[in-house]
N, C-alpha and C. Protein backbone atom coordinates (compact mmCIF):
# COMPACT_ATOMS: atom_id res chain seq x y z
N MET A 1 13.30 26.33 -17.93
CA MET A 1 12.29 27.03 -17.25
C MET A 1 12.71 28.49 -17.30
N ALA A 2 11.89 29.30 -17.83
CA ALA A 2 12.26 30.71 -17.92
C ALA A 2 11.47 31.47 -16.89
N ASN A 3 12.25 32.18 -15.99
CA ASN A 3 11.61 33.00 -14.93
C ASN A 3 10.51 32.18 -14.18
N GLY A 4 10.73 30.94 -13.86
CA GLY A 4 9.82 30.08 -13.04
C GLY A 4 8.63 29.64 -13.80
N ILE A 5 8.53 29.79 -15.08
CA ILE A 5 7.41 29.33 -15.88
C ILE A 5 7.82 28.20 -16.72
N LYS A 6 7.02 27.07 -16.65
CA LYS A 6 7.24 25.88 -17.28
C LYS A 6 6.89 26.14 -18.92
N THR A 7 7.87 25.86 -19.71
CA THR A 7 7.62 26.23 -21.19
C THR A 7 7.53 24.99 -22.06
N SER A 8 7.92 23.80 -21.53
CA SER A 8 7.79 22.59 -22.32
C SER A 8 7.75 21.35 -21.49
N GLY A 9 7.61 20.21 -22.15
CA GLY A 9 7.66 18.96 -21.50
C GLY A 9 6.26 18.47 -21.08
N ARG A 10 6.12 17.45 -20.29
CA ARG A 10 4.88 16.97 -19.79
C ARG A 10 4.13 17.90 -19.02
N THR A 11 2.84 17.92 -19.08
CA THR A 11 2.06 18.72 -18.14
C THR A 11 1.97 18.08 -16.82
N ILE A 12 1.82 18.93 -15.81
CA ILE A 12 1.87 18.49 -14.48
C ILE A 12 0.92 17.39 -14.18
N GLY A 13 1.40 16.22 -13.57
CA GLY A 13 0.56 15.15 -13.15
C GLY A 13 0.50 14.02 -14.20
N THR A 14 1.18 14.30 -15.43
CA THR A 14 1.18 13.27 -16.50
C THR A 14 2.25 12.30 -16.15
N LEU A 15 1.96 10.95 -16.18
CA LEU A 15 2.92 10.01 -15.93
C LEU A 15 3.96 9.79 -16.96
N ASN A 16 5.19 9.41 -16.65
CA ASN A 16 6.19 9.05 -17.57
C ASN A 16 5.62 7.89 -18.33
N LYS A 17 5.99 7.71 -19.69
CA LYS A 17 5.46 6.59 -20.42
C LYS A 17 6.05 5.22 -19.91
N THR A 18 7.37 5.27 -19.56
CA THR A 18 8.02 4.07 -19.09
C THR A 18 7.30 3.67 -17.68
N THR A 19 7.16 4.56 -16.82
CA THR A 19 6.42 4.25 -15.52
C THR A 19 5.16 3.73 -15.74
N LYS A 20 4.33 4.27 -16.61
CA LYS A 20 3.05 3.69 -16.94
C LYS A 20 3.13 2.28 -17.45
N GLU A 21 3.99 1.99 -18.25
CA GLU A 21 4.21 0.66 -18.84
C GLU A 21 4.62 -0.31 -17.71
N ILE A 22 5.60 0.15 -16.96
CA ILE A 22 5.99 -0.78 -15.87
C ILE A 22 4.80 -1.12 -14.92
N ARG A 23 4.08 -0.14 -14.50
CA ARG A 23 2.96 -0.28 -13.58
C ARG A 23 1.94 -1.29 -14.17
N THR A 24 1.65 -1.18 -15.45
CA THR A 24 0.70 -2.09 -16.20
C THR A 24 1.24 -3.53 -16.17
N VAL A 25 2.47 -3.75 -16.42
CA VAL A 25 3.11 -5.01 -16.44
C VAL A 25 3.04 -5.67 -15.03
N LEU A 26 3.48 -4.86 -14.00
CA LEU A 26 3.46 -5.34 -12.62
C LEU A 26 1.97 -5.72 -12.13
N LYS A 27 1.10 -4.84 -12.54
CA LYS A 27 -0.31 -5.03 -12.18
C LYS A 27 -0.78 -6.47 -12.67
N ASP A 28 -0.52 -6.67 -13.94
CA ASP A 28 -0.82 -7.99 -14.56
C ASP A 28 -0.19 -9.19 -13.95
N VAL A 29 1.10 -9.07 -13.58
CA VAL A 29 1.82 -10.15 -12.92
C VAL A 29 1.17 -10.44 -11.51
N ILE A 30 0.83 -9.36 -10.75
CA ILE A 30 0.28 -9.47 -9.46
C ILE A 30 -1.11 -10.03 -9.51
N ASN A 31 -1.86 -9.71 -10.54
CA ASN A 31 -3.23 -10.30 -10.66
C ASN A 31 -3.20 -11.69 -10.93
N LYS A 32 -2.24 -12.12 -11.79
CA LYS A 32 -2.11 -13.62 -12.05
C LYS A 32 -1.69 -14.38 -10.87
N GLU A 33 -0.68 -13.84 -10.06
CA GLU A 33 -0.29 -14.51 -8.83
C GLU A 33 -1.36 -14.60 -7.78
N LEU A 34 -2.25 -13.65 -7.66
CA LEU A 34 -3.24 -13.63 -6.66
C LEU A 34 -4.26 -14.88 -6.80
N THR A 35 -4.38 -15.32 -8.11
CA THR A 35 -5.21 -16.48 -8.30
C THR A 35 -4.55 -17.73 -7.73
N ASN A 36 -3.23 -17.73 -7.69
CA ASN A 36 -2.50 -18.92 -7.12
C ASN A 36 -1.95 -18.83 -5.72
N ILE A 37 -2.28 -17.83 -5.03
CA ILE A 37 -1.78 -17.62 -3.67
C ILE A 37 -2.19 -18.65 -2.75
N ALA A 38 -3.40 -19.16 -2.74
CA ALA A 38 -3.85 -20.21 -1.87
C ALA A 38 -3.01 -21.45 -2.07
N THR A 39 -2.79 -21.85 -3.34
CA THR A 39 -2.00 -23.08 -3.58
C THR A 39 -0.55 -22.85 -3.17
N LEU A 40 -0.03 -21.70 -3.47
CA LEU A 40 1.37 -21.36 -2.92
C LEU A 40 1.53 -21.41 -1.44
N LEU A 41 0.55 -20.82 -0.78
CA LEU A 41 0.63 -20.86 0.71
C LEU A 41 0.50 -22.16 1.28
N ALA A 42 -0.23 -23.15 0.68
CA ALA A 42 -0.35 -24.49 1.14
C ALA A 42 0.86 -25.20 1.00
N LYS A 43 1.80 -24.84 0.16
CA LYS A 43 3.06 -25.58 -0.19
C LYS A 43 4.09 -25.13 0.81
N LEU A 44 3.89 -24.00 1.60
CA LEU A 44 4.96 -23.55 2.51
C LEU A 44 4.84 -24.24 3.86
N GLU A 45 5.90 -24.26 4.52
CA GLU A 45 5.87 -24.75 5.89
C GLU A 45 5.19 -23.83 6.75
N PRO A 46 4.44 -24.29 7.87
CA PRO A 46 3.75 -23.46 8.66
C PRO A 46 4.45 -22.16 9.20
N LYS A 47 5.70 -22.31 9.50
CA LYS A 47 6.27 -21.09 9.97
C LYS A 47 6.46 -20.02 8.87
N GLU A 48 6.75 -20.51 7.60
CA GLU A 48 7.05 -19.59 6.50
C GLU A 48 5.67 -19.05 6.18
N ARG A 49 4.55 -19.78 6.21
CA ARG A 49 3.21 -19.37 5.91
C ARG A 49 2.81 -18.17 6.90
N VAL A 50 3.02 -18.43 8.11
CA VAL A 50 2.71 -17.33 9.07
C VAL A 50 3.52 -16.07 8.84
N GLU A 51 4.81 -16.22 8.61
CA GLU A 51 5.66 -15.07 8.30
C GLU A 51 5.23 -14.31 7.06
N LEU A 52 4.83 -14.93 6.04
CA LEU A 52 4.25 -14.34 4.89
C LEU A 52 2.93 -13.60 5.09
N ILE A 53 2.12 -14.29 5.84
CA ILE A 53 0.82 -13.64 6.18
C ILE A 53 1.04 -12.36 6.97
N ILE A 54 1.90 -12.40 7.97
CA ILE A 54 2.20 -11.25 8.77
C ILE A 54 2.80 -10.14 7.95
N LYS A 55 3.52 -10.37 6.90
CA LYS A 55 4.07 -9.36 6.00
C LYS A 55 3.01 -8.80 5.12
N LEU A 56 1.96 -9.61 4.86
CA LEU A 56 0.93 -9.14 3.92
C LEU A 56 -0.22 -8.43 4.62
N ILE A 57 -0.38 -8.67 5.91
CA ILE A 57 -1.43 -7.98 6.72
C ILE A 57 -1.51 -6.52 6.50
N PRO A 58 -0.47 -5.80 6.56
CA PRO A 58 -0.52 -4.22 6.52
C PRO A 58 -1.09 -3.79 5.20
N TYR A 59 -1.01 -4.62 4.12
CA TYR A 59 -1.71 -4.21 2.85
C TYR A 59 -3.18 -4.52 2.74
N VAL A 60 -3.65 -5.16 3.78
CA VAL A 60 -5.14 -5.49 3.83
C VAL A 60 -5.83 -4.80 4.91
N LEU A 61 -5.25 -4.77 6.15
CA LEU A 61 -5.95 -4.20 7.28
C LEU A 61 -5.36 -2.98 7.74
N SER A 62 -6.15 -1.98 8.24
CA SER A 62 -5.66 -0.74 8.63
C SER A 62 -4.77 -0.90 9.97
N LYS A 63 -3.91 -0.09 10.25
CA LYS A 63 -3.06 -0.23 11.42
C LYS A 63 -3.87 0.42 12.57
N VAL A 64 -3.97 -0.37 13.75
CA VAL A 64 -4.69 0.09 14.87
C VAL A 64 -3.71 0.82 15.89
N GLU A 65 -4.12 1.92 16.29
CA GLU A 65 -3.26 2.64 17.25
C GLU A 65 -4.01 2.75 18.59
N SER A 66 -3.30 2.71 19.61
CA SER A 66 -3.87 2.89 20.93
C SER A 66 -4.14 4.33 21.16
N VAL A 67 -5.24 4.49 21.96
CA VAL A 67 -5.66 5.87 22.39
C VAL A 67 -5.39 6.07 23.85
N ASN A 68 -4.65 6.99 24.24
CA ASN A 68 -4.31 7.29 25.71
C ASN A 68 -4.97 8.57 26.15
N TYR A 69 -5.40 8.50 27.41
CA TYR A 69 -5.97 9.59 28.08
C TYR A 69 -4.78 10.52 28.56
N SER A 70 -4.89 11.78 28.29
CA SER A 70 -3.94 12.78 28.82
C SER A 70 -4.49 13.62 29.94
N LEU A 71 -3.64 13.93 30.82
CA LEU A 71 -4.11 14.80 31.99
C LEU A 71 -4.71 16.07 31.44
N GLY A 72 -5.87 16.42 32.07
CA GLY A 72 -6.37 17.75 31.74
C GLY A 72 -7.58 17.57 30.65
N GLU A 73 -7.71 16.37 30.07
CA GLU A 73 -8.71 16.13 29.10
C GLU A 73 -9.98 15.83 29.94
N PRO A 74 -11.18 16.20 29.41
CA PRO A 74 -12.47 15.95 30.12
C PRO A 74 -12.74 14.48 30.20
N MET A 75 -13.31 13.98 31.29
CA MET A 75 -13.73 12.61 31.39
C MET A 75 -15.14 12.44 31.04
N ASP A 76 -15.86 13.50 30.67
CA ASP A 76 -17.26 13.46 30.40
C ASP A 76 -17.42 12.85 29.01
N TRP A 77 -18.20 11.75 28.89
CA TRP A 77 -18.47 11.10 27.55
C TRP A 77 -19.67 11.57 26.84
N ASP A 78 -20.61 12.34 27.73
CA ASP A 78 -21.86 12.89 27.16
C ASP A 78 -21.52 14.06 26.30
N LEU A 79 -22.07 14.14 25.10
CA LEU A 79 -21.82 15.26 24.23
C LEU A 79 -22.87 16.28 24.33
């Protein structure tokens, strides 16, 4: 880099070739396993099944956060 100016290499935002290939392979593996997930879950013990489902939930559902009232905030709900 000469004087803060990029003079060669990949353009900004371009993925590394290896990274792109690894992501493609992993995506294919995951897609194949998703078709078998119901069968695999049925083979697990109930405790193991629940533990696995709990681990997978954050990838499917949004995290819910509680909302707290702070002193000084208006109690008026009419807009």
